[in-house]
Amino acid sequence: MTRSDRVASVVGLAAIALLACLPTRSLAQDQPAQVQPSADLIARGKYLTDMGDCVACHAAPGYPKFAGGQYMQMPFGDISTPNITPDKETGIGNYTDAQFIRLMQRGIMPDGSRIYPAMPYPWYAKVPKADLLAIKAYLFTLKPVHAARLPNKIWFPFTIRPAIALWDAFFVPGEEFKPDPSKSDEINRGAYIVEGLEHCGTCHNHWNLLGNTAIAGNVEGGAITRWYAPNLRNDDLTGIGRFSVDDLVSFFKYGHSKSMGTVAGPMSETIDESTMKLTDSDLHAISVYLKSLPVVAAYTPTDGRYRPDAMAAGRQVYLSHCASCHQDNGQGVSERIPALDGNGMVQAAGSQDVVRVVLGGLEARGPYGLMPGVGAAMSDKEIASVSNYVRQAWSNRAPANTTTLLVSLLRKDTHTLLNGSRPDGCPALAENDLAKVLDDSSNGIGALLQQTTEANLLQNANTIISKVRAVAPQIKREDLVNGLAIAYCPIVEKEPGLQESQRIWQLTHFADRVYVQLTTNGAY
């Protein structure tokens, strides 16, 4: 395993973790303080909990929110995420304020043992105690859930936790965040969020294994769980230099912006569960802070890396599989299909994101349509070739570092609705307004969806959209496109006589038709 793979495995999971390794119950003898928190404190705690993205790790499928149940894959085994509801037997109901703070800031459990840094406590070490206690106050208002922690599956000698103390001594900050008096209040607020609860560096630091320290490379880009978190420094080519503060605010709030395109990978969950719940002023502070950081380039631009015949091969794949949407010039379609020329993901130092999007596709988001997992029908060589082509075509000058081995590894890891690689079958439709519409037999929409085949797909998709709009006009366009695709998946799976490639095509065709119909009508 390469250094990048080790970093990716360790840190990607930490990037969406909060409280990831809390013990299943307190072993301390002292009792929690019996002080009723105020409504304002609880509200602030909820906001800070959203900022920390707690629920991303502590809400496994089939578990209530904050009840844990996920396994975090590490190079040395799998770590389970615990229950952080106030259940006294299996949760954190017996934690005192002091125990909670020590765990959050130092990674030390009530019994004195140390947790693995899959939980980003090196970042929470900078969070003031008052904010941590607000989080605790909110968590203690949750309904207690009796859910015992699943056993860790860690290999020897990594089960020897005292060794973590040495790592902590080098890579965990020794003090809480202190404002820089030479900076504005807004920049200091952004710094506190980025360097604290949002723990951006767990993904975006270059040397992720070096914790929350200056030598880790502050948000200069880094590998995470076989994705690549791009450079957030103010470099025009390899970072965010060409994007405005407003571009960044829109991206953090909605997961897309006109200049930056749409989000992909683990950042999607961070936006959905965290940044979109923050106030505009905090999003602005984050963006202003990032723009204030000194310029650091993630790589030196490399022209002429390819032989002409290699570039020609990549271009041919692009023209065959990509240009019909993204255009021959890589400009896409404004606020419909993201541009690839100048795209931050395409120009990142690592090519993992490009490969995974080609393999797995993208859900619709905001005005941007769904992208099918075109790579499911492409060879590893074709994907490597087109990835390297788009990273050096037009004005792009990213390293041509995609190999067939990388594509092969990522293909094994990429299972999405849109590429047909679903070991666990079709995903379940969330309990939302669309689910209620489809379950209501009186409107006939669910029955019409069940009857939809390739032969009547265009007509039925148009009728379904019209009917849904009539009874539930509040449903956003992206939720209709993604939700109807999920609902249609098991119907296509059961249709007899279809090969897997035909099922993928029919599902994608249906979702695309839904998007086109909504876009034509100007509906959001």
Protein backbone atom coordinates (compact mmCIF):
# COMPACT_ATOMS: atom_id res chain seq x y z
CA MET A 1 0.00 0.00 0.00
CA THR A 2 1.38 3.40 -0.97
CA ARG A 3 1.64 6.35 1.39
CA SER A 4 -1.27 7.99 -0.44
CA ASP A 5 -3.43 4.92 0.02
CA ARG A 6 -2.63 4.82 3.74
CA VAL A 7 -3.44 8.50 4.08
CA ALA A 8 -6.63 8.07 2.12
CA SER A 9 -7.82 5.18 4.22
CA VAL A 10 -7.12 6.88 7.53
CA VAL A 11 -8.18 10.41 6.86
CA GLY A 12 -11.16 10.17 4.53
CA LEU A 13 -13.23 8.66 7.27
CA ALA A 14 -11.99 11.21 9.76
CA ALA A 15 -13.13 13.93 7.35
CA ILE A 16 -16.78 13.24 8.08
CA ALA A 17 -16.39 12.16 11.69
CA LEU A 18 -17.38 13.87 14.89
CA LEU A 19 -17.07 12.00 18.14
CA ALA A 20 -16.22 8.96 16.04
CA CYS A 21 -14.73 6.88 18.80
CA LEU A 22 -16.65 7.77 21.91
CA PRO A 23 -16.89 4.88 24.38
CA THR A 24 -20.15 3.06 24.60
CA ARG A 25 -20.57 4.02 28.24
CA SER A 26 -18.78 5.94 30.93
CA LEU A 27 -16.59 4.05 33.34
CA ALA A 28 -16.03 7.05 35.61
CA GLN A 29 -17.36 7.12 39.13
CA ASP A 30 -18.33 10.79 39.30
CA GLN A 31 -21.83 11.78 38.27
CA PRO A 32 -22.86 14.32 35.61
CA ALA A 33 -23.94 17.72 36.83
CA GLN A 34 -27.70 18.06 37.16
CA VAL A 35 -28.04 21.55 35.68
CA GLN A 36 -30.85 22.21 33.23
CA PRO A 37 -29.39 23.93 30.15
CA SER A 38 -31.18 26.94 28.70
CA ALA A 39 -33.06 26.85 25.41
CA ASP A 40 -30.50 29.22 23.91
CA LEU A 41 -27.63 26.95 24.91
CA ILE A 42 -29.35 23.92 23.40
CA ALA A 43 -30.04 25.80 20.15
CA ARG A 44 -26.41 26.88 19.95
CA GLY A 45 -25.34 23.31 20.63
CA LYS A 46 -27.46 22.03 17.77
CA TYR A 47 -25.92 24.58 15.43
CA LEU A 48 -22.41 23.63 16.51
CA THR A 49 -23.26 19.94 16.17
CA ASP A 50 -24.32 20.60 12.58
CA MET A 51 -21.10 22.54 12.05
CA GLY A 52 -19.15 19.51 13.26
CA ASP A 53 -21.04 17.14 10.91
CA CYS A 54 -21.65 14.62 13.72
CA VAL A 55 -24.55 12.82 12.11
CA ALA A 56 -22.52 11.83 9.05
CA CYS A 57 -20.79 9.10 11.05
CA HIS A 58 -23.35 8.46 13.73
CA ALA A 59 -26.33 7.59 11.53
CA ALA A 60 -25.79 4.17 9.97
CA PRO A 61 -28.52 2.72 7.73
CA GLY A 62 -31.20 1.24 9.94
CA TYR A 63 -30.07 3.18 13.01
CA PRO A 64 -31.64 6.33 14.46
CA LYS A 65 -29.59 9.48 14.07
CA PHE A 66 -26.65 9.71 16.46
CA ALA A 67 -27.00 6.04 17.46
CA GLY A 68 -23.81 4.99 15.64
CA GLY A 69 -23.57 1.62 13.93
CA GLN A 70 -21.18 2.39 11.08
CA TYR A 71 -17.83 0.74 10.49
CA MET A 72 -14.97 3.05 9.55
CA GLN A 73 -12.45 1.27 7.37
CA MET A 74 -8.86 1.85 8.48
CA PRO A 75 -5.57 0.34 7.24
CA PHE A 76 -5.35 -1.60 10.51
CA GLY A 77 -8.96 -2.81 10.65
CA ASP A 78 -12.46 -1.45 11.08
CA ILE A 79 -13.53 0.94 13.84
CA SER A 80 -17.21 1.10 14.75
CA THR A 81 -18.91 4.41 15.42
CA PRO A 82 -20.65 4.52 18.79
CA ASN A 83 -23.99 5.64 20.08
CA ILE A 84 -23.82 9.29 21.18
CA THR A 85 -27.40 9.64 22.37
CA PRO A 86 -27.83 10.14 26.14
CA ASP A 87 -28.61 6.49 26.82
CA LYS A 88 -26.93 5.66 30.14
CA GLU A 89 -25.99 2.09 29.25
CA THR A 90 -24.92 2.25 25.61
CA GLY A 91 -24.54 5.98 24.95
CA ILE A 92 -23.03 9.02 26.65
CA GLY A 93 -25.71 9.56 29.29
CA ASN A 94 -23.23 9.23 32.17
CA TYR A 95 -20.61 11.64 30.82
CA THR A 96 -19.68 14.57 33.02
CA ASP A 97 -18.75 17.91 31.50
CA ALA A 98 -15.07 17.35 32.27
CA GLN A 99 -15.08 13.88 30.70
CA PHE A 100 -16.76 15.15 27.55
CA ILE A 101 -14.28 18.01 27.17
CA ARG A 102 -11.27 15.76 27.74
CA LEU A 103 -12.49 13.31 25.12
CA MET A 104 -13.19 16.03 22.58
CA GLN A 105 -9.98 17.98 23.08
CA ARG A 106 -7.50 15.24 23.97
CA GLY A 107 -9.01 12.00 22.71
CA ILE A 108 -8.99 10.44 26.18
CA MET A 109 -11.89 8.33 27.42
CA PRO A 110 -13.28 8.49 30.97
CA ASP A 111 -11.28 5.39 31.93
CA GLY A 112 -8.04 7.00 30.72
CA SER A 113 -7.64 4.98 27.53
CA ARG A 114 -7.05 6.76 24.24
CA ILE A 115 -9.16 6.73 21.13
CA TYR A 116 -7.86 6.39 17.60
CA PRO A 117 -7.45 9.66 15.66
CA ALA A 118 -10.13 8.56 13.21
CA MET A 119 -12.05 11.05 15.32
CA PRO A 120 -10.61 14.49 14.52
CA TYR A 121 -9.94 15.51 18.10
CA PRO A 122 -6.75 17.28 16.96
CA TRP A 123 -9.14 19.84 15.47
CA TYR A 124 -11.59 19.84 18.35
CA ALA A 125 -8.66 20.64 20.64
CA LYS A 126 -9.01 24.19 19.33
CA VAL A 127 -12.73 24.43 20.14
CA PRO A 128 -13.43 26.44 23.33
CA LYS A 129 -14.85 24.49 26.24
CA ALA A 130 -18.02 26.60 26.22
CA ASP A 131 -18.81 25.48 22.66
CA LEU A 132 -18.11 21.85 23.49
CA LEU A 133 -20.47 22.02 26.46
CA ALA A 134 -23.14 23.52 24.21
CA ILE A 135 -22.78 20.47 21.95
CA LYS A 136 -23.08 18.21 24.98
CA ALA A 137 -26.19 20.09 26.12
CA TYR A 138 -27.83 19.49 22.74
CA LEU A 139 -26.86 15.83 22.55
CA PHE A 140 -28.36 15.29 25.99
CA THR A 141 -31.75 16.52 24.71
CA LEU A 142 -31.91 13.71 22.15
CA LYS A 143 -34.10 10.71 22.77
CA PRO A 144 -31.94 8.00 24.38
CA VAL A 145 -31.43 5.06 22.06
CA HIS A 146 -30.35 1.72 23.46
CA ALA A 147 -27.83 0.62 20.83
CA ALA A 148 -24.70 -1.16 21.95
CA ARG A 149 -21.56 -0.37 20.06
CA LEU A 150 -20.48 -2.92 17.48
CA PRO A 151 -17.10 -4.54 18.22
CA ASN A 152 -14.01 -3.05 16.63
CA LYS A 153 -12.11 -5.27 14.21
CA ILE A 154 -8.54 -4.08 14.70
CA TRP A 155 -5.40 -6.08 14.09
CA PHE A 156 -2.47 -6.50 16.47
CA PRO A 157 -0.28 -4.54 17.23
CA PHE A 158 -2.62 -1.62 16.52
CA THR A 159 -4.73 -2.73 19.46
CA ILE A 160 -2.03 -1.26 21.74
CA ARG A 161 -3.59 2.12 22.36
CA PRO A 162 -1.01 3.70 24.70
CA ALA A 163 1.23 4.29 21.66
CA ILE A 164 -1.31 6.87 20.49
CA ALA A 165 -0.09 9.15 23.28
CA LEU A 166 3.19 9.65 21.43
CA TRP A 167 1.35 10.65 18.24
CA ASP A 168 -0.83 13.03 20.26
CA ALA A 169 2.21 14.72 21.77
CA PHE A 170 3.47 15.71 18.32
CA PHE A 171 0.30 16.35 16.32
CA VAL A 172 -2.44 17.62 18.65
CA PRO A 173 -2.50 21.38 19.38
CA GLY A 174 -1.91 22.27 23.00
CA GLU A 175 -4.35 25.17 23.25
CA GLU A 176 -7.74 26.40 22.12
CA PHE A 177 -8.16 28.74 19.15
CA LYS A 178 -6.95 32.27 19.73
CA PRO A 179 -7.97 35.11 17.38
CA ASP A 180 -5.20 36.84 15.47
CA PRO A 181 -5.39 40.52 16.49
CA SER A 182 -3.94 41.55 13.13
CA LYS A 183 -6.88 39.99 11.26
CA SER A 184 -10.50 41.07 10.97
CA ASP A 185 -13.24 39.59 13.13
CA GLU A 186 -14.65 37.86 10.04
CA ILE A 187 -11.35 36.22 9.12
CA ASN A 188 -10.89 35.06 12.71
CA ARG A 189 -14.40 33.61 12.72
CA GLY A 190 -13.67 31.74 9.49
CA ALA A 191 -10.36 30.49 10.88
CA TYR A 192 -12.07 29.20 14.01
CA ILE A 193 -14.63 27.26 11.96
CA VAL A 194 -12.15 25.84 9.42
CA GLU A 195 -9.48 24.93 11.98
CA GLY A 196 -11.96 23.75 14.60
CA LEU A 197 -15.34 22.06 14.30
CA GLU A 198 -15.44 21.82 10.49
CA HIS A 199 -12.00 20.15 10.67
CA CYS A 200 -11.38 20.85 6.97
CA GLY A 201 -7.75 19.80 7.21
CA THR A 202 -8.61 16.18 7.94
CA CYS A 203 -9.27 15.93 4.21
CA HIS A 204 -7.63 18.95 2.65
CA ASN A 205 -4.26 18.94 4.44
CA HIS A 206 -1.41 17.66 2.29
CA TRP A 207 0.21 15.53 5.00
CA ASN A 208 -2.98 14.26 6.61
CA LEU A 209 -1.28 11.92 9.05
CA LEU A 210 0.46 14.83 10.75
CA GLY A 211 -2.70 16.00 12.49
CA ASN A 212 -3.67 19.63 13.01
CA THR A 213 -0.20 21.11 12.82
CA ALA A 214 1.52 23.67 10.61
CA ILE A 215 3.74 21.00 9.04
CA ALA A 216 0.63 19.11 7.84
CA GLY A 217 0.16 21.62 5.00
CA ASN A 218 -2.86 23.77 5.82
CA VAL A 219 -5.66 22.87 3.33
CA GLU A 220 -3.23 22.41 0.43
CA GLY A 221 -5.07 19.30 -0.82
CA GLY A 222 -4.76 15.64 0.11
CA ALA A 223 -5.86 12.07 -0.63
CA ILE A 224 -8.88 10.68 1.23
CA THR A 225 -10.53 7.25 0.93
CA ARG A 226 -9.58 7.00 -2.72
CA TRP A 227 -10.94 10.45 -3.47
CA TYR A 228 -8.84 13.60 -3.60
CA ALA A 229 -9.67 16.69 -1.53
CA PRO A 230 -8.48 19.64 -3.62
CA ASN A 231 -6.26 22.55 -2.68
CA LEU A 232 -8.21 25.28 -0.83
CA ARG A 233 -5.41 27.83 -1.02
CA ASN A 234 -5.75 30.92 -3.19
CA ASP A 235 -3.81 29.65 -6.22
CA ASP A 236 -5.46 30.43 -9.56
CA LEU A 237 -4.66 27.15 -11.29
CA THR A 238 -4.59 24.49 -8.58
CA GLY A 239 -6.72 26.11 -5.86
CA ILE A 240 -9.60 28.54 -5.36
CA GLY A 241 -7.87 31.68 -6.64
CA ARG A 242 -10.11 32.09 -9.69
CA PHE A 243 -13.31 31.81 -7.64
CA SER A 244 -14.91 34.70 -5.78
CA VAL A 245 -16.09 34.72 -2.18
CA ASP A 246 -19.66 34.58 -3.49
CA ASP A 247 -18.79 31.51 -5.59
CA LEU A 248 -17.51 29.76 -2.48
CA VAL A 249 -20.51 30.75 -0.37
CA SER A 250 -22.87 29.36 -3.02
CA PHE A 251 -20.88 26.15 -3.27
CA PHE A 252 -20.87 25.59 0.49
CA LYS A 253 -24.57 26.46 0.77
CA TYR A 254 -25.99 24.56 -2.20
CA GLY A 255 -23.28 22.19 -3.40
CA HIS A 256 -22.89 24.05 -6.67
CA SER A 257 -22.12 27.44 -8.14
CA LYS A 258 -22.08 28.87 -11.64
CA SER A 259 -18.29 29.14 -11.70
CA MET A 260 -17.40 26.00 -9.72
CA GLY A 261 -19.91 23.49 -11.08
CA THR A 262 -21.26 20.81 -8.77
CA VAL A 263 -19.90 18.90 -5.80
CA ALA A 264 -18.78 15.27 -5.89
CA GLY A 265 -17.58 12.66 -3.44
CA PRO A 266 -17.45 12.92 0.37
CA MET A 267 -17.87 16.70 0.19
CA SER A 268 -21.48 16.12 -0.90
CA GLU A 269 -22.31 14.71 2.51
CA THR A 270 -20.41 17.47 4.27
CA ILE A 271 -22.52 20.05 2.46
CA ASP A 272 -25.82 18.22 3.00
CA GLU A 273 -25.26 17.51 6.69
CA SER A 274 -23.17 20.50 7.69
CA THR A 275 -22.31 23.57 5.63
CA MET A 276 -25.74 24.14 4.10
CA LYS A 277 -27.10 24.40 7.66
CA LEU A 278 -24.73 27.23 8.58
CA THR A 279 -25.67 30.90 8.47
CA ASP A 280 -24.73 33.00 5.46
CA SER A 281 -22.46 35.06 7.68
CA ASP A 282 -20.51 31.98 8.78
CA LEU A 283 -20.25 30.71 5.19
CA HIS A 284 -18.98 34.14 4.18
CA ALA A 285 -16.45 34.06 7.03
CA ILE A 286 -15.20 30.63 5.94
CA SER A 287 -14.82 31.84 2.37
CA VAL A 288 -13.09 35.10 3.30
CA TYR A 289 -10.68 33.20 5.54
CA LEU A 290 -9.78 30.71 2.81
CA LYS A 291 -9.25 33.52 0.31
CA SER A 292 -6.97 35.26 2.81
CA LEU A 293 -4.52 32.36 3.07
CA PRO A 294 -1.16 32.71 1.29
CA VAL A 295 -0.99 31.24 -2.19
CA VAL A 296 0.33 27.68 -2.32
CA ALA A 297 0.32 25.73 -5.59
CA ALA A 298 -0.49 22.03 -5.39
CA TYR A 299 1.84 21.25 -8.30
CA THR A 300 3.88 22.86 -11.04
CA PRO A 301 1.95 23.00 -14.34
CA THR A 302 3.22 20.46 -16.84
CA ASP A 303 2.80 21.09 -20.55
CA GLY A 304 3.62 18.47 -23.14
CA ARG A 305 3.58 15.49 -20.75
CA TYR A 306 1.95 13.31 -23.40
CA ARG A 307 3.05 12.00 -26.75
CA PRO A 308 0.75 13.23 -29.54
CA ASP A 309 -0.60 9.72 -30.16
CA ALA A 310 -1.50 9.30 -26.47
CA MET A 311 -3.35 12.63 -26.41
CA ALA A 312 -5.09 11.64 -29.62
CA ALA A 313 -6.31 8.40 -28.03
CA GLY A 314 -7.67 10.27 -25.02
CA ARG A 315 -9.39 12.81 -27.22
CA GLN A 316 -11.06 10.06 -29.23
CA VAL A 317 -12.50 8.55 -26.03
CA TYR A 318 -13.66 12.02 -24.98
CA LEU A 319 -15.42 12.63 -28.30
CA SER A 320 -17.11 9.22 -28.10
CA HIS A 321 -18.28 9.33 -24.48
CA CYS A 322 -18.14 12.89 -23.12
CA ALA A 323 -18.31 15.65 -25.74
CA SER A 324 -22.04 15.36 -26.42
CA CYS A 325 -22.66 16.82 -22.96
CA HIS A 326 -19.46 18.61 -21.96
CA GLN A 327 -18.87 19.96 -25.50
CA ASP A 328 -15.80 19.63 -27.68
CA ASN A 329 -14.27 22.69 -26.02
CA GLY A 330 -14.90 21.40 -22.49
CA GLN A 331 -17.20 24.32 -21.63
CA GLY A 332 -20.30 22.24 -20.81
CA VAL A 333 -23.65 24.03 -20.67
CA SER A 334 -24.00 26.92 -18.24
CA GLU A 335 -25.77 25.82 -15.03
CA ARG A 336 -26.83 22.57 -16.68
CA ILE A 337 -23.66 20.56 -17.35
CA PRO A 338 -20.40 21.51 -15.58
CA ALA A 339 -17.47 22.77 -17.62
CA LEU A 340 -14.34 20.61 -17.55
CA ASP A 341 -12.04 23.37 -18.76
CA GLY A 342 -10.85 25.15 -15.62
CA ASN A 343 -12.79 22.78 -13.36
CA GLY A 344 -11.22 22.59 -9.89
CA MET A 345 -11.86 18.86 -9.52
CA VAL A 346 -10.33 18.14 -12.93
CA GLN A 347 -7.27 20.25 -12.10
CA ALA A 348 -6.63 18.78 -8.64
CA ALA A 349 -3.23 17.24 -8.00
CA GLY A 350 -4.84 13.80 -7.72
CA SER A 351 -7.05 12.36 -10.47
CA GLN A 352 -9.13 10.13 -8.21
CA ASP A 353 -12.22 12.36 -8.38
CA VAL A 354 -12.30 12.41 -12.18
CA VAL A 355 -12.03 8.63 -12.36
CA ARG A 356 -14.70 8.03 -9.72
CA VAL A 357 -17.17 10.39 -11.37
CA VAL A 358 -16.61 8.72 -14.74
CA LEU A 359 -17.17 5.33 -13.10
CA GLY A 360 -20.08 6.21 -10.82
CA GLY A 361 -21.76 9.26 -12.28
CA LEU A 362 -23.32 12.08 -10.27
CA GLU A 363 -26.75 12.78 -8.88
CA ALA A 364 -28.61 15.90 -9.97
CA ARG A 365 -27.95 18.94 -7.78
CA GLY A 366 -29.55 22.36 -8.12
CA PRO A 367 -29.79 23.26 -11.81
CA TYR A 368 -27.23 20.61 -12.79
CA GLY A 369 -28.49 17.40 -14.29
CA LEU A 370 -27.70 13.81 -13.49
CA MET A 371 -24.53 12.33 -14.98
CA PRO A 372 -24.66 8.62 -15.85
CA GLY A 373 -21.88 6.27 -14.82
CA VAL A 374 -20.51 6.07 -18.35
CA GLY A 375 -17.37 4.33 -17.15
CA ALA A 376 -19.31 1.16 -16.39
CA ALA A 377 -19.12 0.34 -20.10
CA MET A 378 -15.55 1.61 -20.61
CA SER A 379 -12.26 -0.23 -20.17
CA ASP A 380 -9.70 0.77 -17.55
CA LYS A 381 -7.42 1.92 -20.37
CA GLU A 382 -10.11 4.13 -21.88
CA ILE A 383 -10.90 5.77 -18.53
CA ALA A 384 -7.23 6.38 -17.76
CA SER A 385 -6.74 7.81 -21.22
CA VAL A 386 -9.70 10.21 -21.11
CA SER A 387 -8.90 11.26 -17.53
CA ASN A 388 -5.38 12.26 -18.52
CA TYR A 389 -6.71 13.98 -21.62
CA VAL A 390 -9.20 16.26 -19.84
CA ARG A 391 -6.61 17.09 -17.17
CA GLN A 392 -4.30 18.52 -19.86
CA ALA A 393 -6.73 19.65 -22.56
CA TRP A 394 -7.81 23.25 -23.22
CA SER A 395 -6.39 25.47 -20.44
CA ASN A 396 -5.96 22.60 -17.94
CA ARG A 397 -2.41 21.72 -16.90
CA ALA A 398 -2.85 19.04 -14.23
CA PRO A 399 -0.45 16.10 -13.91
CA ALA A 400 -1.24 13.23 -16.24
CA ASN A 401 -1.06 10.69 -13.43
CA THR A 402 -4.03 8.38 -14.03
CA THR A 403 -3.00 4.76 -14.52
CA THR A 404 -4.99 1.68 -15.41
CA LEU A 405 -4.07 0.29 -11.98
CA LEU A 406 -5.69 3.29 -10.27
CA VAL A 407 -8.82 2.89 -12.39
CA SER A 408 -8.99 -0.81 -11.57
CA LEU A 409 -8.73 -0.12 -7.82
CA LEU A 410 -11.35 2.62 -7.91
CA ARG A 411 -13.72 0.53 -10.02
CA LYS A 412 -13.83 -2.08 -7.24
CA ASP A 413 -14.75 0.68 -4.78
CA THR A 414 -17.36 2.53 -6.83
CA HIS A 415 -20.92 1.31 -6.32
CA THR A 416 -23.67 3.72 -7.30
CA LEU A 417 -27.24 3.83 -8.51
CA LEU A 418 -26.02 5.13 -11.85
CA ASN A 419 -23.44 2.50 -12.82
CA GLY A 420 -25.31 -0.69 -11.94
CA SER A 421 -22.70 -1.83 -9.41
CA ARG A 422 -24.90 -2.23 -6.34
CA PRO A 423 -23.93 -5.16 -4.08
CA ASP A 424 -26.76 -4.28 -1.69
CA GLY A 425 -29.37 -3.73 -4.39
CA CYS A 426 -31.27 -0.55 -5.13
CA PRO A 427 -31.08 2.16 -2.45
CA ALA A 428 -34.17 2.92 -0.39
CA LEU A 429 -36.11 6.10 -1.08
CA ALA A 430 -35.91 8.48 1.87
CA GLU A 431 -39.05 9.21 3.86
CA ASN A 432 -39.88 12.55 2.28
CA ASP A 433 -42.59 14.34 0.32
CA LEU A 434 -41.93 12.34 -2.84
CA ALA A 435 -42.22 9.05 -0.96
CA LYS A 436 -45.60 10.17 0.39
CA VAL A 437 -46.76 11.06 -3.12
CA LEU A 438 -45.74 7.67 -4.51
CA ASP A 439 -47.37 5.83 -1.60
CA ASP A 440 -50.69 7.62 -2.09
CA SER A 441 -52.68 5.24 -4.29
CA SER A 442 -55.39 7.83 -4.91
CA ASN A 443 -53.22 9.89 -7.28
CA GLY A 444 -52.13 6.97 -9.48
CA ILE A 445 -48.53 8.17 -9.71
CA GLY A 446 -46.93 5.14 -8.08
CA ALA A 447 -48.96 2.78 -10.26
CA LEU A 448 -47.93 4.67 -13.40
CA LEU A 449 -44.28 4.44 -12.39
CA GLN A 450 -44.66 0.68 -11.89
CA GLN A 451 -45.99 0.39 -15.46
CA THR A 452 -43.14 2.36 -17.03
CA THR A 453 -41.00 0.45 -19.53
CA GLU A 454 -38.66 1.52 -22.30
CA ALA A 455 -41.58 1.46 -24.74
CA ASN A 456 -43.65 4.06 -22.86
CA LEU A 457 -40.88 5.78 -20.92
CA LEU A 458 -41.09 9.21 -22.55
CA GLN A 459 -44.84 9.52 -22.24
CA ASN A 460 -45.01 8.14 -18.70
CA ALA A 461 -42.12 10.29 -17.43
CA ASN A 462 -43.85 13.43 -18.69
CA THR A 463 -47.16 12.42 -17.13
CA ILE A 464 -45.54 11.50 -13.81
CA ILE A 465 -43.85 14.90 -13.59
CA SER A 466 -47.08 16.73 -14.37
CA LYS A 467 -48.97 14.78 -11.73
CA VAL A 468 -46.27 15.19 -9.05
CA ARG A 469 -46.08 18.91 -9.72
CA ALA A 470 -49.86 19.17 -9.33
CA VAL A 471 -49.97 17.52 -5.90
CA ALA A 472 -46.54 18.47 -4.49
CA PRO A 473 -45.19 21.62 -6.18
CA GLN A 474 -42.79 22.23 -3.28
CA ILE A 475 -40.48 19.32 -4.17
CA LYS A 476 -37.22 20.65 -5.59
CA ARG A 477 -36.11 19.61 -9.05
CA GLU A 478 -32.98 17.81 -7.88
CA ASP A 479 -35.03 15.81 -5.35
CA LEU A 480 -37.49 14.79 -8.07
CA VAL A 481 -34.76 13.66 -10.46
CA ASN A 482 -32.80 11.72 -7.85
CA GLY A 483 -35.84 10.42 -5.97
CA LEU A 484 -37.70 9.16 -9.03
CA ALA A 485 -34.52 7.44 -10.24
CA ILE A 486 -34.25 5.64 -6.88
CA ALA A 487 -37.94 4.70 -6.99
CA TYR A 488 -37.64 3.42 -10.56
CA CYS A 489 -34.53 1.32 -9.85
CA PRO A 490 -36.31 -1.75 -8.38
CA ILE A 491 -38.88 -1.60 -11.18
CA VAL A 492 -36.17 -1.82 -13.82
CA GLU A 493 -34.41 -4.55 -11.84
CA LYS A 494 -37.53 -6.71 -12.00
CA GLU A 495 -38.21 -6.14 -15.70
CA PRO A 496 -37.59 -9.49 -17.45
CA GLY A 497 -35.26 -9.98 -20.37
CA LEU A 498 -32.96 -7.02 -19.75
CA GLN A 499 -29.19 -7.31 -19.59
CA GLU A 500 -27.36 -5.25 -16.97
CA SER A 501 -26.21 -2.68 -19.53
CA GLN A 502 -29.81 -2.27 -20.69
CA ARG A 503 -31.03 -1.76 -17.13
CA ILE A 504 -28.42 0.95 -16.55
CA TRP A 505 -29.34 2.66 -19.81
CA GLN A 506 -33.09 2.53 -19.12
CA LEU A 507 -32.73 3.90 -15.58
CA THR A 508 -30.44 6.69 -16.76
CA HIS A 509 -32.72 7.46 -19.72
CA PHE A 510 -35.71 7.77 -17.38
CA ALA A 511 -33.87 10.07 -14.95
CA ASP A 512 -32.59 12.18 -17.83
CA ARG A 513 -36.10 12.50 -19.24
CA VAL A 514 -37.38 13.66 -15.85
CA TYR A 515 -34.63 16.29 -15.74
CA VAL A 516 -35.31 17.49 -19.29
CA GLN A 517 -39.03 17.79 -18.62
CA LEU A 518 -38.44 19.79 -15.44
CA THR A 519 -35.83 22.00 -17.11
CA THR A 520 -38.05 22.67 -20.11
CA ASN A 521 -40.80 23.81 -17.80
CA GLY A 522 -38.39 25.96 -15.79
CA ALA A 523 -39.25 24.08 -12.60
CA TYR A 524 -36.92 23.87 -9.60
